[in-house]
Amino acid sequence: MNYRHAFHAGNFADVLKHAVLTLALETIAGKDKPFVVIDTHAGRGRYDLAREAQRTGEWQNGIGKVLQSAKPPREMKRYADIVRGFDRRLGGSGETLQHYPGSPRIVRALLRPEDRLVACELQDEDALALRREFAGDRQVETKRADGYAALKALLPPAERRGLVLIDPPFEARDEFDKVQRALKQALRRFATGTYLVWYPVKDREAVAGFKAFLVAAKLKRTLTAELQVGSKTPTGLARAGVALINAPWPLENELEKIGPYLAQTLGGAAGRFDVEWIAKD
């Protein structure tokens, strides 16, 4: 699967990932001590919806529907406000979007003065755009680097608190294997960190293997949440998920609020949201 993010910014899979990311970081920020976020596949940081993303128009059936919905749950508000505010700062209306924030911008909006972000991107063009996006920002360090390999040097963080976001494009056939190897190494160095992994659900066997890995790892408070929006989309991707390791405590109740809303708003009658706890303790 080749999932070049610029073409799919703001789609249903982004909404799931970024809504859960926002909720997790809000909880982590609820404690006084500083934290770090490490984004292993950061991309550009921002996306122009009138350019690459306009080729598919997926954002209109993703974040577009969220912003137009009449009664979103309270748990979606912070994420929606970040998206609107980002678009307005770049000259948009905040409603009919022209720009969408990538994961680094979502994270940056949730950092307190004592927190920091390390954003890694391997592709030359995107890494350059990412560096320009955060030029002069002392709380953000950008790296042109293989995010998987970078984890060895970045963990454990000095803060001893944080979240690692693993969001690869799944261009390689063995991407799930790469994710699993990276998690094994990272957890040995930073066992108490929160890990958020995004994944597409196209190869059911590969997804089942990933979940089996999570079970065998005997982790704490680990879950998967998957959103399905139908049987067909322009890219063929109609279901995507996130895995959370060391999930923050309030997240269970929050997922119960946003899950049915996302399934109905983005999938209609064909929508479905499934949470599977791998380990609750």
Protein backbone atom coordinates (compact mmCIF):
# COMPACT_ATOMS: atom_id res chain seq x y z
CA MET A 1 0.00 0.00 0.00
CA ASN A 2 1.30 3.47 -0.91
CA TYR A 3 -0.25 6.07 1.39
CA ARG A 4 1.35 9.42 0.53
CA HIS A 5 -0.16 11.62 3.18
CA ALA A 6 -0.41 14.84 1.18
CA PHE A 7 -3.12 13.26 -0.97
CA HIS A 8 -5.18 12.10 1.99
CA ALA A 9 -4.82 14.91 4.54
CA GLY A 10 -7.93 15.40 6.63
CA ASN A 11 -9.60 12.15 5.59
CA PHE A 12 -11.43 9.80 7.96
CA ALA A 13 -8.19 8.07 8.97
CA ASP A 14 -6.61 11.42 9.87
CA VAL A 15 -9.67 12.38 11.89
CA LEU A 16 -9.45 9.18 13.92
CA LYS A 17 -5.71 9.52 14.49
CA HIS A 18 -5.75 13.19 15.36
CA ALA A 19 -8.84 13.05 17.56
CA VAL A 20 -7.29 10.26 19.65
CA LEU A 21 -3.90 12.03 19.67
CA THR A 22 -5.54 15.19 20.98
CA LEU A 23 -7.38 13.35 23.76
CA ALA A 24 -4.24 11.49 24.81
CA LEU A 25 -2.11 14.64 24.97
CA GLU A 26 -4.77 16.58 26.85
CA THR A 27 -4.63 13.90 29.54
CA ILE A 28 -0.83 13.82 29.64
CA ALA A 29 -0.77 17.62 29.90
CA GLY A 30 -3.11 17.40 32.89
CA LYS A 31 -0.13 16.62 35.13
CA ASP A 32 2.37 19.30 36.12
CA LYS A 33 5.57 17.60 34.94
CA PRO A 34 6.91 18.31 31.41
CA PHE A 35 6.60 15.80 28.60
CA VAL A 36 8.01 15.15 25.13
CA VAL A 37 6.28 13.99 21.96
CA ILE A 38 8.30 12.10 19.36
CA ASP A 39 6.71 11.93 15.90
CA THR A 40 8.53 9.28 13.85
CA HIS A 41 6.92 10.05 10.47
CA ALA A 42 6.06 13.72 10.78
CA GLY A 43 5.47 14.72 7.16
CA ARG A 44 5.35 18.40 6.28
CA GLY A 45 3.43 19.78 9.22
CA ARG A 46 0.76 21.42 7.07
CA TYR A 47 -1.25 20.51 3.97
CA ASP A 48 -2.86 22.70 1.33
CA LEU A 49 -6.25 21.17 0.65
CA ALA A 50 -6.50 22.99 -2.67
CA ARG A 51 -3.43 21.19 -4.04
CA GLU A 52 -2.57 17.50 -3.59
CA ALA A 53 -5.48 16.73 -1.27
CA GLN A 54 -7.90 18.20 -3.80
CA ARG A 55 -7.11 15.33 -6.20
CA THR A 56 -9.03 12.93 -3.99
CA GLY A 57 -11.19 15.34 -2.00
CA GLU A 58 -11.12 12.87 0.89
CA TRP A 59 -10.99 15.63 3.48
CA GLN A 60 -14.54 16.64 2.55
CA ASN A 61 -15.77 13.27 3.84
CA GLY A 62 -13.46 13.48 6.84
CA ILE A 63 -12.71 16.67 8.71
CA GLY A 64 -15.16 18.53 6.46
CA LYS A 65 -18.08 16.53 7.83
CA VAL A 66 -16.84 16.90 11.39
CA LEU A 67 -16.76 20.69 11.16
CA GLN A 68 -20.21 20.77 9.55
CA SER A 69 -21.88 18.43 12.03
CA ALA A 70 -24.50 20.02 14.26
CA LYS A 71 -23.80 18.39 17.63
CA PRO A 72 -20.32 16.90 17.95
CA PRO A 73 -19.47 15.52 21.40
CA ARG A 74 -17.53 17.71 23.79
CA GLU A 75 -14.55 15.37 23.42
CA MET A 76 -14.14 16.46 19.77
CA LYS A 77 -14.09 20.19 20.50
CA ARG A 78 -10.37 20.73 21.16
CA TYR A 79 -9.37 18.90 17.98
CA ALA A 80 -11.91 20.80 15.87
CA ASP A 81 -10.78 24.12 17.40
CA ILE A 82 -7.15 23.36 16.54
CA VAL A 83 -8.06 22.63 12.92
CA ARG A 84 -10.19 25.77 12.58
CA GLY A 85 -7.61 27.97 14.28
CA PHE A 86 -4.80 26.68 12.07
CA ASP A 87 -6.78 27.39 8.90
CA ARG A 88 -7.69 30.89 10.08
CA ARG A 89 -4.08 31.77 10.88
CA LEU A 90 -3.20 30.96 7.27
CA GLY A 91 -6.00 33.12 5.87
CA GLY A 92 -8.80 30.57 5.66
CA SER A 93 -12.29 30.78 7.09
CA GLY A 94 -11.89 27.97 9.60
CA GLU A 95 -15.04 26.34 8.22
CA THR A 96 -14.59 25.74 4.49
CA LEU A 97 -11.02 24.63 4.98
CA GLN A 98 -8.08 25.59 2.83
CA HIS A 99 -5.37 24.17 5.10
CA TYR A 100 -5.10 21.16 7.38
CA PRO A 101 -2.56 20.70 10.19
CA GLY A 102 -0.41 17.60 10.14
CA SER A 103 0.37 15.70 13.31
CA PRO A 104 3.26 18.01 14.32
CA ARG A 105 0.97 21.02 14.23
CA ILE A 106 -1.72 19.20 16.20
CA VAL A 107 0.92 18.36 18.81
CA ARG A 108 2.39 21.86 18.84
CA ALA A 109 -1.02 23.34 19.66
CA LEU A 110 -1.19 21.13 22.75
CA LEU A 111 2.29 21.77 24.15
CA ARG A 112 2.73 23.88 27.27
CA PRO A 113 5.83 26.12 27.60
CA GLU A 114 7.75 23.36 29.40
CA ASP A 115 6.99 20.63 26.83
CA ARG A 116 8.70 19.82 23.53
CA LEU A 117 8.28 18.00 20.23
CA VAL A 118 10.84 16.04 18.22
CA ALA A 119 9.57 15.57 14.66
CA CYS A 120 11.37 13.14 12.33
CA GLU A 121 10.90 12.90 8.57
CA LEU A 122 13.03 10.94 6.11
CA GLN A 123 11.77 12.22 2.71
CA ASP A 124 13.95 15.15 1.60
CA GLU A 125 11.19 17.43 0.32
CA ASP A 126 8.93 16.90 3.31
CA ALA A 127 11.82 17.17 5.78
CA LEU A 128 12.76 20.56 4.31
CA ALA A 129 9.17 21.78 4.50
CA LEU A 130 8.95 20.56 8.08
CA ARG A 131 12.12 22.43 9.06
CA ARG A 132 10.77 25.62 7.50
CA GLU A 133 7.41 25.13 9.23
CA PHE A 134 9.01 25.24 12.67
CA ALA A 135 11.99 27.49 12.02
CA GLY A 136 12.76 29.50 15.16
CA ASP A 137 10.45 27.47 17.40
CA ARG A 138 12.54 26.49 20.43
CA GLN A 139 10.06 23.87 21.57
CA VAL A 140 10.24 21.92 18.32
CA GLU A 141 13.24 20.00 17.01
CA THR A 142 12.99 18.69 13.47
CA LYS A 143 15.18 15.91 12.15
CA ARG A 144 15.73 14.54 8.66
CA ALA A 145 15.94 10.99 9.88
CA ASP A 146 14.48 7.51 9.79
CA GLY A 147 12.06 7.80 12.68
CA TYR A 148 12.39 4.14 13.63
CA ALA A 149 16.17 4.41 13.94
CA ALA A 150 15.96 7.77 15.72
CA LEU A 151 14.05 6.26 18.64
CA LYS A 152 17.20 4.55 19.90
CA ALA A 153 18.92 7.91 20.43
CA LEU A 154 15.81 9.76 21.63
CA LEU A 155 14.69 7.29 24.29
CA PRO A 156 14.49 7.45 27.19
CA PRO A 157 13.73 11.17 27.19
CA ALA A 158 15.07 13.45 29.89
CA GLU A 159 11.48 14.27 30.91
CA ARG A 160 10.65 10.60 31.60
CA ARG A 161 7.13 11.38 30.39
CA GLY A 162 5.85 11.44 26.86
CA LEU A 163 4.12 10.05 23.82
CA VAL A 164 5.63 8.40 20.75
CA LEU A 165 3.54 8.71 17.58
CA ILE A 166 4.31 6.09 14.92
CA ASP A 167 2.46 6.96 11.72
CA PRO A 168 4.25 5.41 8.70
CA PRO A 169 2.90 5.60 5.12
CA PHE A 170 2.78 1.79 4.83
CA GLU A 171 4.57 1.85 1.49
CA ALA A 172 6.62 -1.22 2.38
CA ARG A 173 5.14 -4.70 2.49
CA ASP A 174 6.90 -5.38 5.79
CA GLU A 175 5.81 -2.13 7.48
CA PHE A 176 4.04 -3.92 10.33
CA ASP A 177 7.25 -5.84 10.99
CA LYS A 178 9.16 -2.55 11.11
CA VAL A 179 6.61 -1.13 13.56
CA GLN A 180 6.90 -4.19 15.79
CA ARG A 181 10.70 -4.08 15.84
CA ALA A 182 10.64 -0.37 16.65
CA LEU A 183 8.14 -0.90 19.48
CA LYS A 184 10.18 -3.72 21.00
CA GLN A 185 13.30 -1.58 21.10
CA ALA A 186 11.49 1.55 22.27
CA LEU A 187 9.65 -0.21 25.08
CA ARG A 188 12.91 -1.61 26.42
CA ARG A 189 14.22 1.95 26.72
CA PHE A 190 11.01 3.76 27.69
CA ALA A 191 8.54 1.27 29.12
CA THR A 192 6.31 3.88 30.78
CA GLY A 193 5.76 6.03 27.69
CA THR A 194 2.49 6.22 25.79
CA TYR A 195 2.72 4.88 22.22
CA LEU A 196 0.18 5.70 19.50
CA VAL A 197 0.43 3.71 16.29
CA TRP A 198 -1.72 4.41 13.22
CA TYR A 199 -2.37 1.62 10.72
CA PRO A 200 -4.55 0.96 7.66
CA VAL A 201 -6.87 -2.04 7.66
CA LYS A 202 -6.47 -3.52 4.19
CA ASP A 203 -4.39 -6.63 4.78
CA ARG A 204 -6.43 -8.37 7.48
CA GLU A 205 -3.76 -11.01 8.03
CA ALA A 206 -1.10 -8.37 8.67
CA VAL A 207 -3.37 -6.51 11.11
CA ALA A 208 -4.15 -9.77 12.94
CA GLY A 209 -0.42 -10.44 13.20
CA PHE A 210 0.16 -6.99 14.67
CA LYS A 211 -2.53 -7.55 17.29
CA ALA A 212 -1.06 -10.95 18.11
CA PHE A 213 2.26 -9.19 18.68
CA LEU A 214 0.59 -6.78 21.11
CA VAL A 215 -0.98 -9.69 22.99
CA ALA A 216 2.30 -11.60 23.20
CA ALA A 217 4.17 -8.52 24.44
CA LYS A 218 2.11 -8.54 27.67
CA LEU A 219 1.82 -4.78 27.76
CA LYS A 220 -0.15 -2.58 30.12
CA ARG A 221 -3.32 -0.69 29.22
CA THR A 222 -3.18 -1.46 25.52
CA LEU A 223 -6.06 -1.13 23.07
CA THR A 224 -6.88 -0.83 19.41
CA ALA A 225 -9.62 1.40 18.02
CA GLU A 226 -10.76 0.98 14.42
CA LEU A 227 -13.08 3.17 12.36
CA GLN A 228 -14.85 1.89 9.26
CA VAL A 229 -16.66 4.25 6.91
CA GLY A 230 -18.05 1.82 4.35
CA SER A 231 -16.87 -0.79 1.91
CA LYS A 232 -15.43 1.50 -0.77
CA THR A 233 -13.58 4.82 -0.91
CA PRO A 234 -11.63 6.46 -3.78
CA THR A 235 -8.40 4.90 -2.47
CA GLY A 236 -9.90 1.60 -1.43
CA LEU A 237 -9.16 2.31 2.23
CA ALA A 238 -12.40 2.17 4.21
CA ARG A 239 -11.11 1.10 7.62
CA ALA A 240 -8.19 2.32 9.70
CA GLY A 241 -7.09 1.97 13.26
CA VAL A 242 -4.89 3.19 16.05
CA ALA A 243 -3.16 1.15 18.74
CA LEU A 244 -2.46 2.73 22.10
CA ILE A 245 0.07 1.33 24.55
CA ASN A 246 -0.01 2.67 28.11
CA ALA A 247 -3.27 4.41 27.22
CA PRO A 248 -4.12 7.34 29.53
CA TRP A 249 -6.81 6.39 32.05
CA PRO A 250 -9.73 8.63 30.92
CA LEU A 251 -9.41 7.54 27.30
CA GLU A 252 -11.76 4.59 27.65
CA ASN A 253 -14.72 6.83 28.44
CA GLU A 254 -13.73 9.37 25.80
CA LEU A 255 -13.57 6.73 23.07
CA GLU A 256 -17.09 5.65 24.00
CA LYS A 257 -18.20 9.23 23.25
CA ILE A 258 -16.33 9.93 20.02
CA GLY A 259 -16.49 6.44 18.47
CA PRO A 260 -20.21 6.23 17.68
CA TYR A 261 -20.17 9.88 16.59
CA LEU A 262 -17.33 9.30 14.10
CA ALA A 263 -18.93 6.14 12.75
CA GLN A 264 -22.26 7.87 12.14
CA THR A 265 -20.87 11.20 10.90
CA LEU A 266 -18.21 9.79 8.58
CA GLY A 267 -19.72 6.44 7.65
CA GLY A 268 -23.48 6.81 7.95
CA ALA A 269 -25.32 3.49 7.93
CA ALA A 270 -22.12 1.69 6.93
CA GLY A 271 -20.08 3.28 9.71
CA ARG A 272 -18.61 1.21 12.49
CA PHE A 273 -16.27 1.83 15.43
CA ASP A 274 -14.64 -1.01 17.35
CA VAL A 275 -12.48 -0.85 20.46
CA GLU A 276 -10.55 -3.96 21.49
CA TRP A 277 -8.67 -4.01 24.77
CA ILE A 278 -5.50 -6.05 24.58
CA ALA A 279 -4.73 -5.42 28.26
CA LYS A 280 -6.60 -3.23 30.75
CA ASP A 281 -4.18 -3.44 33.68
